[in-house]
């Protein structure tokens, strides 16, 4: 994580002080929080269950001595993904 500078001002161009039609993601999230709208927020119990699932997958990978395969952004993924499909008689839809 790294600190970033956020500018949440809408400006006062012309006579209108209305916000732009499309807000940046953090601006919308902060505005929803201030207005008490929790639609885009995850409850604590949901986050805990999600991490339980992730921890289970991670533990299974460690037990099987599996390591993530790096791959370049914008590609179809690691070669191991294709090998897995071939071993199981399947193919990716392109």
C-alpha atoms as a PDB file:
ATOM      1  CA  UNK A   1       0.000   0.000   0.000  1.00  0.00           C
ATOM      2  CA  UNK A   2       1.091   3.530  -0.599  1.00  0.00           C
ATOM      3  CA  UNK A   3      -0.434   6.886   0.241  1.00  0.00           C
ATOM      4  CA  UNK A   4      -2.097   8.773  -2.595  1.00  0.00           C
ATOM      5  CA  UNK A   5      -3.456  12.282  -2.918  1.00  0.00           C
ATOM      6  CA  UNK A   6      -7.174  12.451  -3.611  1.00  0.00           C
ATOM      7  CA  UNK A   7      -8.895  15.508  -5.022  1.00  0.00           C
ATOM      8  CA  UNK A   8     -12.613  15.331  -4.330  1.00  0.00           C
ATOM      9  CA  UNK A   9     -13.487  18.874  -5.382  1.00  0.00           C
ATOM     10  CA  UNK A  10     -15.971  19.274  -8.199  1.00  0.00           C
ATOM     11  CA  UNK A  11     -14.900  22.752  -9.137  1.00  0.00           C
ATOM     12  CA  UNK A  12     -17.130  25.730  -9.648  1.00  0.00           C
ATOM     13  CA  UNK A  13     -16.939  26.106 -13.402  1.00  0.00           C
ATOM     14  CA  UNK A  14     -19.604  28.359 -14.813  1.00  0.00           C
ATOM     15  CA  UNK A  15     -22.780  28.870 -12.803  1.00  0.00           C
ATOM     16  CA  UNK A  16     -23.317  25.236 -11.892  1.00  0.00           C
ATOM     17  CA  UNK A  17     -21.835  23.679  -8.771  1.00  0.00           C
ATOM     18  CA  UNK A  18     -23.239  20.264  -9.668  1.00  0.00           C
ATOM     19  CA  UNK A  19     -20.886  17.280  -9.634  1.00  0.00           C
ATOM     20  CA  UNK A  20     -19.895  15.694 -12.927  1.00  0.00           C
ATOM     21  CA  UNK A  21     -22.228  12.984 -14.227  1.00  0.00           C
ATOM     22  CA  UNK A  22     -19.704  10.222 -13.576  1.00  0.00           C
ATOM     23  CA  UNK A  23     -17.927  10.221 -10.240  1.00  0.00           C
ATOM     24  CA  UNK A  24     -14.635   8.502  -9.574  1.00  0.00           C
ATOM     25  CA  UNK A  25     -14.979   5.226  -7.651  1.00  0.00           C
ATOM     26  CA  UNK A  26     -13.566   6.461  -4.347  1.00  0.00           C
ATOM     27  CA  UNK A  27     -15.656   9.597  -4.471  1.00  0.00           C
ATOM     28  CA  UNK A  28     -18.826   7.542  -4.848  1.00  0.00           C
ATOM     29  CA  UNK A  29     -17.755   5.167  -2.076  1.00  0.00           C
ATOM     30  CA  UNK A  30     -16.990   8.002   0.337  1.00  0.00           C
ATOM     31  CA  UNK A  31     -20.218   9.813  -0.530  1.00  0.00           C
ATOM     32  CA  UNK A  32     -22.233   6.613   0.020  1.00  0.00           C
ATOM     33  CA  UNK A  33     -20.522   6.104   3.390  1.00  0.00           C
ATOM     34  CA  UNK A  34     -21.339   9.660   4.454  1.00  0.00           C
ATOM     35  CA  UNK A  35     -24.960   9.194   3.353  1.00  0.00           C
ATOM     36  CA  UNK A  36     -25.298   5.869   5.187  1.00  0.00           C
ATOM     37  CA  UNK A  37     -25.701   3.809   2.005  1.00  0.00           C
ATOM     38  CA  UNK A  38     -23.999   0.468   2.669  1.00  0.00           C
ATOM     39  CA  UNK A  39     -24.877  -1.095  -0.706  1.00  0.00           C
ATOM     40  CA  UNK A  40     -21.252  -1.201  -1.898  1.00  0.00           C
ATOM     41  CA  UNK A  41     -19.824  -2.350   1.432  1.00  0.00           C
ATOM     42  CA  UNK A  42     -19.245  -5.882   2.673  1.00  0.00           C
ATOM     43  CA  UNK A  43     -20.377  -6.831   6.164  1.00  0.00           C
ATOM     44  CA  UNK A  44     -17.787  -8.181   8.583  1.00  0.00           C
ATOM     45  CA  UNK A  45     -19.238 -11.706   8.593  1.00  0.00           C
ATOM     46  CA  UNK A  46     -19.164 -11.762   4.772  1.00  0.00           C
ATOM     47  CA  UNK A  47     -15.512 -10.713   4.725  1.00  0.00           C
ATOM     48  CA  UNK A  48     -14.636 -13.338   7.353  1.00  0.00           C
ATOM     49  CA  UNK A  49     -16.345 -16.111   5.341  1.00  0.00           C
ATOM     50  CA  UNK A  50     -14.583 -14.990   2.167  1.00  0.00           C
ATOM     51  CA  UNK A  51     -11.209 -15.150   3.922  1.00  0.00           C
ATOM     52  CA  UNK A  52     -12.052 -18.605   5.328  1.00  0.00           C
ATOM     53  CA  UNK A  53     -12.564 -19.779   1.751  1.00  0.00           C
ATOM     54  CA  UNK A  54      -9.328 -18.144   0.548  1.00  0.00           C
ATOM     55  CA  UNK A  55      -7.405 -19.588   3.503  1.00  0.00           C
ATOM     56  CA  UNK A  56      -8.771 -23.059   2.690  1.00  0.00           C
ATOM     57  CA  UNK A  57      -7.643 -22.823  -0.931  1.00  0.00           C
ATOM     58  CA  UNK A  58      -4.258 -21.494   0.153  1.00  0.00           C
ATOM     59  CA  UNK A  59      -3.836 -24.355   2.665  1.00  0.00           C
ATOM     60  CA  UNK A  60      -4.728 -26.929  -0.005  1.00  0.00           C
ATOM     61  CA  UNK A  61      -2.156 -25.425  -2.375  1.00  0.00           C
ATOM     62  CA  UNK A  62       0.509 -25.542   0.338  1.00  0.00           C
ATOM     63  CA  UNK A  63      -0.370 -29.160   1.206  1.00  0.00           C
ATOM     64  CA  UNK A  64      -0.066 -30.126  -2.470  1.00  0.00           C
ATOM     65  CA  UNK A  65       3.133 -28.052  -2.738  1.00  0.00           C
ATOM     66  CA  UNK A  66       1.570 -26.005  -5.534  1.00  0.00           C
ATOM     67  CA  UNK A  67       2.951 -22.573  -6.328  1.00  0.00           C
ATOM     68  CA  UNK A  68       1.282 -19.813  -8.337  1.00  0.00           C
ATOM     69  CA  UNK A  69       2.532 -19.588 -11.908  1.00  0.00           C
ATOM     70  CA  UNK A  70       3.355 -16.031 -12.938  1.00  0.00           C
ATOM     71  CA  UNK A  71       2.292 -14.798 -16.364  1.00  0.00           C
ATOM     72  CA  UNK A  72       2.370 -11.576 -18.325  1.00  0.00           C
ATOM     73  CA  UNK A  73      -0.552  -9.170 -18.097  1.00  0.00           C
ATOM     74  CA  UNK A  74      -2.808  -9.243 -21.134  1.00  0.00           C
ATOM     75  CA  UNK A  75      -2.074 -12.906 -21.912  1.00  0.00           C
ATOM     76  CA  UNK A  76      -4.364 -15.924 -21.587  1.00  0.00           C
ATOM     77  CA  UNK A  77      -2.613 -16.970 -18.375  1.00  0.00           C
ATOM     78  CA  UNK A  78       0.093 -19.429 -17.407  1.00  0.00           C
ATOM     79  CA  UNK A  79       0.912 -22.445 -19.555  1.00  0.00           C
ATOM     80  CA  UNK A  80      -0.106 -24.661 -16.629  1.00  0.00           C
ATOM     81  CA  UNK A  81      -3.725 -23.593 -17.147  1.00  0.00           C
ATOM     82  CA  UNK A  82      -3.646 -24.951 -20.699  1.00  0.00           C
ATOM     83  CA  UNK A  83      -1.910 -28.130 -19.540  1.00  0.00           C
ATOM     84  CA  UNK A  84      -4.615 -28.676 -16.920  1.00  0.00           C
ATOM     85  CA  UNK A  85      -7.355 -28.373 -19.528  1.00  0.00           C
ATOM     86  CA  UNK A  86      -5.604 -30.754 -21.938  1.00  0.00           C
ATOM     87  CA  UNK A  87      -5.053 -33.356 -19.189  1.00  0.00           C
ATOM     88  CA  UNK A  88      -8.779 -33.291 -18.477  1.00  0.00           C
ATOM     89  CA  UNK A  89      -9.831 -33.438 -22.147  1.00  0.00           C
ATOM     90  CA  UNK A  90     -11.130 -29.888 -22.164  1.00  0.00           C
ATOM     91  CA  UNK A  91     -10.351 -26.690 -24.053  1.00  0.00           C
ATOM     92  CA  UNK A  92     -10.677 -22.981 -23.382  1.00  0.00           C
ATOM     93  CA  UNK A  93     -13.316 -21.128 -25.382  1.00  0.00           C
ATOM     94  CA  UNK A  94     -11.787 -18.196 -27.199  1.00  0.00           C
END
